[in-house]
Protein backbone atom coordinates (compact mmCIF):
# COMPACT_ATOMS: atom_id res chain seq x y z
CA MET A 1 108.05 82.24 99.64
CA LYS A 2 110.51 83.00 96.83
CA GLU A 3 109.38 85.88 94.63
CA VAL A 4 108.99 85.33 90.89
CA ILE A 5 110.61 88.68 90.14
CA PRO A 6 114.32 88.50 91.07
CA MET A 7 115.37 90.72 93.98
CA ARG A 8 111.84 92.08 94.35
CA VAL A 9 110.98 93.73 97.66
CA LEU A 10 107.41 94.17 98.88
CA SER A 11 106.21 97.59 99.95
CA THR A 12 105.85 96.51 103.58
CA ASP A 13 109.48 95.31 103.68
CA LEU A 14 111.10 98.58 102.59
CA SER A 15 111.95 99.57 106.16
CA SER A 16 114.34 96.61 106.30
CA HIS A 17 116.31 97.97 103.34
CA ILE A 18 117.07 101.56 104.33
CA GLY A 19 120.11 102.77 102.40
CA GLU A 20 119.85 100.01 99.79
CA ARG A 21 118.79 100.09 96.17
CA VAL A 22 115.81 97.80 95.77
CA THR A 23 113.22 96.82 93.18
CA LEU A 24 109.47 97.10 93.68
CA ALA A 25 106.88 95.71 91.28
CA GLY A 26 103.21 96.63 91.14
CA TRP A 27 100.66 99.07 89.75
CA LEU A 28 100.86 102.83 89.50
CA HIS A 29 98.21 103.65 92.08
CA ALA A 30 98.33 107.44 92.00
CA LYS A 31 100.66 110.36 91.32
CA ARG A 32 100.82 113.93 92.55
CA GLU A 33 102.87 116.72 91.06
CA LEU A 34 104.28 119.31 93.44
CA GLY A 35 106.40 121.89 91.67
CA ALA A 36 109.35 120.22 90.01
CA VAL A 37 108.80 116.96 91.88
CA SER A 38 106.23 114.17 91.47
CA PHE A 39 105.21 111.74 94.19
CA VAL A 40 104.26 108.34 92.78
CA LEU A 41 102.39 105.70 94.73
CA VAL A 42 103.03 102.10 93.70
CA ARG A 43 100.63 99.39 94.89
CA ASP A 44 101.61 95.76 95.32
CA ARG A 45 99.92 92.85 97.08
CA ALA A 46 101.21 94.03 100.45
CA GLY A 47 100.34 97.74 100.33
CA LEU A 48 101.56 101.09 99.01
CA ALA A 49 105.03 102.55 98.52
CA GLN A 50 106.08 106.04 97.47
CA ALA A 51 108.69 107.02 94.93
CA VAL A 52 109.90 110.61 94.42
CA VAL A 53 110.52 111.64 90.81
CA ASP A 54 112.20 114.76 89.46
CA GLY A 55 109.79 116.25 86.95
CA THR A 56 106.70 114.34 85.78
CA LEU A 57 105.96 110.69 85.08
CA ASP A 58 103.91 110.32 81.90
CA LEU A 59 102.17 107.04 82.77
CA ARG A 60 98.52 106.21 83.37
CA PRO A 61 97.24 104.94 86.69
CA GLU A 62 97.20 101.11 86.81
CA THR A 63 100.28 100.82 84.62
CA VAL A 64 102.11 97.68 85.73
CA LEU A 65 105.74 98.54 86.37
CA GLU A 66 108.98 97.79 88.13
CA VAL A 67 110.65 100.53 90.14
CA GLU A 68 114.28 100.49 91.19
CA GLY A 69 115.36 103.08 93.72
CA LEU A 70 117.16 103.96 96.93
CA ALA A 71 115.15 103.24 100.10
CA VAL A 72 115.26 106.33 102.30
CA THR A 73 113.51 107.20 105.56
CA ALA A 74 110.61 109.64 104.97
CA SER A 75 108.08 110.21 107.72
CA GLN A 76 105.31 111.35 105.34
CA ALA A 77 105.55 108.32 103.06
CA PRO A 78 103.56 105.08 103.56
CA GLY A 79 105.45 102.96 106.06
CA GLY A 80 107.88 105.82 106.71
CA VAL A 81 110.07 104.93 103.70
CA GLU A 82 110.24 106.16 100.12
CA LEU A 83 112.26 105.39 97.01
CA GLN A 84 114.54 108.14 95.71
CA GLU A 85 116.45 108.33 92.44
CA PRO A 86 113.99 105.85 90.91
CA SER A 87 114.02 104.27 87.48
CA PHE A 88 110.84 102.81 85.99
CA SER A 89 110.33 99.84 83.68
CA VAL A 90 106.86 99.42 82.17
CA VAL A 91 105.60 95.83 82.24
CA ALA A 92 102.08 96.44 80.89
CA GLU A 93 100.05 99.54 80.07
CA PRO A 94 96.27 99.93 80.54
CA ALA A 95 94.33 100.30 77.29
CA GLU A 96 92.15 103.05 78.74
CA ALA A 97 91.45 105.02 81.90
CA THR A 98 89.91 103.09 84.78
CA PRO A 99 86.12 103.45 85.27
CA VAL A 100 86.61 103.88 89.05
CA GLU A 101 89.04 106.20 90.81
CA LEU A 102 91.33 103.94 92.79
CA ARG A 103 93.45 106.85 94.06
CA ARG A 104 90.75 107.92 96.54
CA PRO A 105 90.97 106.63 100.14
CA VAL A 106 87.39 105.37 99.77
CA LEU A 107 85.71 104.64 96.45
CA LYS A 108 83.11 107.32 95.68
CA GLU A 109 81.22 105.28 93.09
CA THR A 110 77.87 103.64 93.82
CA LEU A 111 77.72 99.96 94.71
CA PRO A 112 76.22 98.98 91.30
CA MET A 113 79.06 100.84 89.57
CA ILE A 114 81.63 99.12 91.77
CA LEU A 115 80.09 95.70 91.09
CA ASP A 116 79.87 96.35 87.34
CA HIS A 117 83.60 97.07 87.29
CA ALA A 118 84.67 94.62 89.98
CA ALA A 119 87.80 93.50 88.12
CA VAL A 120 89.25 96.96 88.71
CA ALA A 121 87.38 98.07 91.83
CA LEU A 122 88.59 95.05 93.80
CA ARG A 123 92.14 96.36 93.42
CA HIS A 124 91.36 99.23 95.79
CA PRO A 125 93.06 98.62 99.17
CA ARG A 126 89.81 98.90 101.16
CA GLU A 127 87.91 96.61 98.81
CA ARG A 128 90.73 94.10 98.79
CA ALA A 129 90.92 94.17 102.59
CA LYS A 130 87.40 92.74 102.93
CA PHE A 131 88.43 89.62 101.06
CA GLN A 132 91.67 89.27 102.98
CA ILE A 133 89.46 89.08 106.07
CA ALA A 134 87.23 86.51 104.36
CA ALA A 135 90.26 84.42 103.40
CA ALA A 136 91.60 84.54 106.95
CA SER A 137 88.17 83.51 108.24
CA LEU A 138 88.17 80.45 105.99
CA ALA A 139 91.62 79.46 107.21
CA GLY A 140 90.44 79.79 110.80
CA PHE A 141 87.33 77.72 110.17
CA ARG A 142 89.37 74.91 108.67
CA ARG A 143 91.99 75.04 111.41
CA ALA A 144 89.40 74.97 114.19
CA LEU A 145 87.50 71.99 112.78
CA ASP A 146 90.65 70.12 111.81
CA GLY A 147 91.71 70.51 115.44
CA LEU A 148 88.43 68.93 116.53
CA GLY A 149 88.96 65.84 114.39
CA PHE A 150 86.75 66.81 111.44
CA VAL A 151 87.42 65.66 107.87
CA GLU A 152 86.94 68.08 104.98
CA ILE A 153 84.73 66.75 102.18
CA SER A 154 83.56 67.98 98.77
CA THR A 155 80.06 67.02 97.65
CA PRO A 156 78.12 67.37 94.36
CA LYS A 157 76.55 70.67 93.41
CA ILE A 158 74.31 69.05 90.78
CA VAL A 159 71.57 67.06 92.48
CA ALA A 160 68.45 65.11 91.53
CA SER A 161 66.05 66.60 94.09
CA ALA A 162 65.62 69.35 96.64
CA THR A 163 67.59 69.37 99.86
CA GLU A 164 64.71 71.01 101.66
CA THR A 165 61.03 70.55 100.87
CA GLY A 166 59.27 73.62 99.54
CA ALA A 167 62.44 75.46 98.55
CA ASN A 168 63.10 77.22 95.26
CA LEU A 169 65.66 75.54 93.01
CA PHE A 170 67.69 76.39 89.94
CA SER A 171 66.83 73.70 87.42
CA LEU A 172 69.05 72.47 84.60
CA ASP A 173 69.15 69.84 81.89
CA TYR A 174 71.41 66.99 82.93
CA PHE A 175 71.90 64.97 79.74
CA GLY A 176 68.18 65.01 79.07
CA ARG A 177 67.14 64.49 82.69
CA PRO A 178 65.95 67.16 85.12
CA ALA A 179 68.47 68.19 87.76
CA PHE A 180 69.07 71.10 90.12
CA LEU A 181 71.83 73.18 91.67
CA ALA A 182 72.26 72.18 95.31
CA GLN A 183 70.80 74.47 97.97
CA SER A 184 73.26 73.00 100.48
CA PRO A 185 75.40 69.90 101.09
CA GLN A 186 72.99 68.95 103.88
CA LEU A 187 71.98 65.46 102.76
CA TYR A 188 75.51 64.49 101.76
CA LYS A 189 77.20 65.72 104.91
CA GLN A 190 74.66 63.77 107.01
CA THR A 191 75.46 60.68 104.98
CA MET A 192 79.16 61.20 105.61
CA VAL A 193 78.62 61.20 109.36
CA GLY A 194 78.15 57.47 108.83
CA VAL A 195 81.67 57.37 107.37
CA PHE A 196 83.81 59.87 109.30
CA GLU A 197 81.53 60.92 112.21
CA ARG A 198 82.74 64.54 111.85
CA VAL A 199 82.82 66.33 108.50
CA TYR A 200 82.85 69.84 107.11
CA GLU A 201 82.70 71.47 103.70
CA VAL A 202 83.38 74.90 102.22
CA GLY A 203 81.64 75.51 98.92
CA PRO A 204 78.97 77.35 96.93
CA VAL A 205 75.25 76.89 97.49
CA PHE A 206 72.39 78.13 95.33
CA ARG A 207 69.03 79.61 96.31
CA ALA A 208 66.51 80.52 93.60
CA GLU A 209 64.65 82.88 95.88
CA PRO A 210 63.55 86.25 94.45
CA HIS A 211 65.02 88.38 97.22
CA GLU A 212 66.01 92.01 96.72
CA THR A 213 67.58 92.64 100.12
CA GLY A 214 70.98 93.54 101.46
CA ARG A 215 71.38 90.13 103.14
CA HIS A 216 70.42 87.55 100.48
CA LEU A 217 72.17 86.18 97.39
CA ALA A 218 71.34 83.56 94.79
CA GLU A 219 74.81 82.04 95.25
CA TYR A 220 77.02 82.27 98.29
CA THR A 221 79.80 80.43 100.09
CA SER A 222 78.56 78.13 102.83
CA LEU A 223 80.69 76.80 105.66
CA ASP A 224 78.98 73.55 106.65
CA ALA A 225 79.71 71.01 109.36
CA GLU A 226 78.08 67.87 110.70
CA VAL A 227 79.02 65.91 113.83
CA GLY A 228 77.92 62.51 115.08
CA PHE A 229 77.32 61.01 118.52
CA ILE A 230 75.83 64.14 120.03
CA ARG A 231 73.41 64.39 122.94
CA ASP A 232 71.39 67.23 121.42
CA HIS A 233 71.74 70.55 119.57
CA PHE A 234 73.69 72.13 122.42
CA ASP A 235 76.65 69.91 121.49
CA VAL A 236 76.46 71.36 117.97
CA MET A 237 76.28 74.88 119.37
CA ALA A 238 79.53 74.20 121.24
CA VAL A 239 81.19 73.31 117.93
CA VAL A 240 79.81 76.48 116.36
CA ARG A 241 81.40 78.51 119.14
CA GLU A 242 84.79 76.88 118.54
CA ALA A 243 84.54 77.47 114.79
CA ILE A 244 83.59 81.13 115.22
CA ALA A 245 86.34 81.70 117.78
CA GLY A 246 88.84 80.10 115.43
CA MET A 247 87.73 82.33 112.58
CA ALA A 248 88.05 85.46 114.71
CA GLU A 249 91.49 84.43 115.91
CA ALA A 250 92.68 83.73 112.37
CA VAL A 251 91.49 87.17 111.27
CA ARG A 252 93.45 88.65 114.16
CA GLU A 253 96.57 86.74 113.12
CA ARG A 254 96.37 86.97 109.33
CA ALA A 255 94.42 90.13 108.52
CA ALA A 256 95.23 92.63 111.25
CA ALA A 257 96.28 95.26 108.70
CA ALA A 258 93.01 94.80 106.79
CA LEU A 259 91.01 95.27 110.00
CA GLU A 260 92.98 98.42 110.79
CA LEU A 261 92.47 99.85 107.31
CA LEU A 262 88.72 99.27 107.50
CA GLU A 263 88.57 100.43 111.13
CA ALA A 264 86.69 97.21 111.87
CA PRO A 265 86.64 96.11 115.53
CA LEU A 266 87.21 92.39 115.94
CA PRO A 267 84.75 90.93 118.43
CA GLU A 268 85.66 88.81 121.40
CA VAL A 269 83.88 85.46 121.29
CA PRO A 270 82.75 84.54 124.81
CA ALA A 271 83.69 81.15 126.22
CA GLU A 272 79.96 80.40 126.37
CA ILE A 273 77.55 82.22 124.09
CA ALA A 274 74.24 83.12 125.70
CA TRP A 275 71.05 81.52 124.40
CA VAL A 276 67.31 82.08 124.57
CA HIS A 277 64.50 79.73 123.57
CA PHE A 278 62.28 80.89 120.72
CA GLU A 279 59.25 80.70 123.02
CA ASP A 280 60.87 83.32 125.28
CA ALA A 281 62.23 85.56 122.50
CA GLY A 282 59.13 87.76 122.27
CA VAL A 283 58.35 86.79 118.67
CA ASP A 284 54.78 86.63 117.36
CA ASP A 285 55.60 84.60 114.24
CA VAL A 286 57.11 81.16 113.53
CA ASP A 287 60.45 82.70 112.52
CA LEU A 288 62.66 85.67 113.37
CA ALA A 289 62.27 88.83 111.35
CA PRO A 290 65.29 91.11 110.84
CA ALA A 291 63.81 93.50 113.40
CA ASP A 292 63.64 90.64 115.91
CA GLU A 293 67.29 89.80 115.32
CA ARG A 294 68.34 93.41 115.91
CA ARG A 295 66.18 93.73 119.03
CA LEU A 296 67.47 90.51 120.55
CA CYS A 297 71.10 91.56 120.12
CA GLU A 298 70.30 94.94 121.63
CA GLU A 299 68.88 93.10 124.62
CA HIS A 300 71.51 90.36 124.95
CA GLY A 301 74.71 91.60 123.27
CA ASP A 302 76.62 90.98 120.04
CA TRP A 303 76.33 87.18 120.28
CA LEU A 304 73.16 85.20 120.94
CA PHE A 305 71.87 81.73 120.15
CA VAL A 306 68.12 81.46 119.62
CA THR A 307 67.06 77.83 120.10
CA GLY A 308 63.89 75.79 119.74
CA PHE A 309 62.45 77.14 116.51
CA PRO A 310 58.91 76.01 115.64
CA ALA A 311 58.74 72.86 113.54
CA ALA A 312 56.69 74.75 110.95
CA LYS A 313 59.81 76.71 109.90
CA ARG A 314 62.46 74.01 110.02
CA PRO A 315 63.32 71.37 107.39
CA PHE A 316 61.87 67.86 107.54
CA TYR A 317 65.09 66.35 108.89
CA THR A 318 65.11 68.51 112.06
CA HIS A 319 64.78 66.64 115.36
CA PRO A 320 61.71 67.63 117.42
CA GLU A 321 62.17 68.93 120.94
CA PRO A 322 61.51 66.06 123.39
CA GLY A 323 58.13 66.54 125.02
CA ARG A 324 57.23 69.53 122.83
CA PRO A 325 57.21 68.38 119.18
CA GLU A 326 55.85 71.75 118.04
CA TYR A 327 59.38 73.04 118.72
CA THR A 328 62.69 71.65 117.43
CA ASN A 329 66.23 71.02 118.62
CA SER A 330 67.47 73.76 116.33
CA PHE A 331 69.13 77.16 116.60
CA ASP A 332 70.27 80.32 114.89
CA LEU A 333 73.35 82.27 115.94
CA LEU A 334 72.87 86.04 115.86
CA PHE A 335 75.89 88.32 115.50
CA ARG A 336 75.58 92.08 115.75
CA GLY A 337 71.88 91.97 115.00
CA MET A 338 71.82 89.43 112.17
CA GLU A 339 71.57 85.65 111.83
CA ILE A 340 74.83 84.20 110.50
CA VAL A 341 74.51 80.50 111.44
CA THR A 342 71.61 78.05 111.26
CA GLY A 343 71.80 74.53 112.64
CA GLY A 344 70.41 71.86 114.88
CA GLN A 345 70.04 68.20 115.69
CA ARG A 346 68.84 65.93 112.87
CA LEU A 347 66.62 62.90 112.81
CA HIS A 348 68.76 59.77 112.74
CA ARG A 349 66.30 56.83 112.62
CA TYR A 350 64.97 55.58 109.29
CA ASP A 351 61.38 55.23 110.49
CA ASP A 352 61.36 58.83 111.67
CA TYR A 353 62.32 59.97 108.17
CA VAL A 354 59.55 57.92 106.60
CA ALA A 355 57.09 59.58 108.96
CA ALA A 356 58.50 63.07 108.39
CA LEU A 357 58.19 62.62 104.62
CA ASP A 358 54.65 61.19 104.90
CA GLY A 359 55.84 58.07 103.13
CA GLU A 360 56.95 60.04 100.03
CA THR A 361 60.48 58.70 100.21
CA GLU A 362 61.22 58.04 96.53
CA PRO A 363 62.96 61.38 95.79
CA TYR A 364 65.24 60.79 98.78
CA GLU A 365 66.09 57.11 98.38
CA GLY A 366 69.81 57.76 97.87
CA TYR A 367 69.89 59.91 100.99
CA LEU A 368 67.85 57.48 103.09
CA GLN A 369 70.19 54.58 102.38
CA ALA A 370 72.46 55.76 105.17
CA PHE A 371 69.63 55.66 107.69
CA ARG A 372 68.55 52.14 106.68
CA TYR A 373 71.84 50.84 108.00
CA GLY A 374 72.26 52.68 111.29
CA MET A 375 73.21 56.30 111.99
CA PRO A 376 74.18 57.88 115.31
CA PRO A 377 72.48 60.94 116.76
CA HIS A 378 73.99 63.85 114.90
CA GLY A 379 73.62 67.50 114.02
CA GLY A 380 75.30 70.29 112.20
CA PHE A 381 75.24 73.86 111.02
CA ALA A 382 75.84 76.19 108.09
CA LEU A 383 77.46 79.62 108.14
CA GLY A 384 77.39 82.11 105.26
CA LEU A 385 80.89 83.49 104.66
CA GLU A 386 79.76 86.68 102.96
CA ARG A 387 77.30 87.54 105.72
CA TRP A 388 79.90 86.85 108.43
CA THR A 389 82.40 89.11 106.68
CA ALA A 390 79.79 91.84 106.21
CA ARG A 391 79.06 91.86 109.94
CA LEU A 392 82.76 91.98 110.76
CA VAL A 393 83.50 94.99 108.55
CA GLY A 394 80.21 96.79 109.06
CA ALA A 395 79.03 96.49 105.45
CA ARG A 396 75.40 97.44 104.90
CA ASN A 397 74.96 95.15 101.91
CA ILE A 398 76.21 91.58 101.58
CA ARG A 399 77.22 92.33 98.00
CA GLU A 400 80.02 94.50 99.39
CA THR A 401 81.70 91.37 100.74
CA THR A 402 80.93 89.05 97.81
CA LEU A 403 83.25 88.43 94.89
CA PHE A 404 81.15 88.85 91.74
CA PRO A 405 77.72 88.52 93.45
CA ARG A 406 74.76 86.75 91.88
CA ASP A 407 71.21 87.93 92.52
CA ARG A 408 67.98 88.41 90.55
CA SER A 409 69.47 91.05 88.29
CA ARG A 410 73.18 90.31 88.23
CA LEU A 411 74.78 87.51 86.22
CA THR A 412 77.95 89.36 85.18
CA PRO A 413 80.79 90.05 85.61
């Protein structure tokens, strides 16, 4: 890609220009005075570069500047190269000192402080690396499903009724009529199976649930998929495996430096992920608790599908398990002790929906149209991007891997 700034060289490309005068552009990340010499770190989108200055440089950290200098081998400098005999041109100066210290290898501020000042804190190389991994994961998800013949769709986020019965919704005034923010694209992506057979979507979803935990948000990015002409939920689980493997591979290809910086081990995704039925999972409730998720991964490894969840804890559109209707053809995927994917086989016959809704079909008439006119057996899944990224990088709180998180107490920045 051609750079906007003429003749600009990125920090990671300096080693290709030893002995040449080059121009860098970025932010003044940090400076250190050592006798009559100052060492200046410049940060650009690729990394850090060092320039050696005679005397001092009277500029604040985060000053945007251009640096012209001679690229010289220096074993102690980032990338083994530094700029000597530099000249500096100021592009923009900060109005005040930054509220977080970006010069430190790891930010020392508390998570609330970091989130309050995200516009600056996200510039830190370790903070930025988390979102490079998230971006690579998205690219891998799309590539994997595109390769399986899926079509990407975009569905409304303002809806007339709940996606799932009994769920908490964010309500809004839609030109004088009640409306809600969508909890998921579930009903729309099922409808689109009748059009494309295989669809996926990447977009925000909204949950008005009063959680104060390290794994829940009021808004997050959901990676959804739905596939038609399946035999049962195990066919959907096979697609999940391909999607996850594609995401891991894309992180390996596109964000290796970010993984290295965060010292985050990239997992191997087995060709077949082990599974256990809910009845055999040693759970005394109708759902998995966080402690159950951790225990099951300790027993079975980093990756585990739990199948056959009780019907009492699955949405109305979930297909019952043949012969045992108290269980369902559904699953969760656990990764390193936490659920990151939920999915299953859906009902596909109109009469089954009428029965599941106890005849109260009016709020879902638009959705049920598709099933009036013939739908194949189908199923799908949803994966939370922020939770996936948190498990990859070892973050304790999902807010660490969320751009500008939204929860009960946070609506800004």
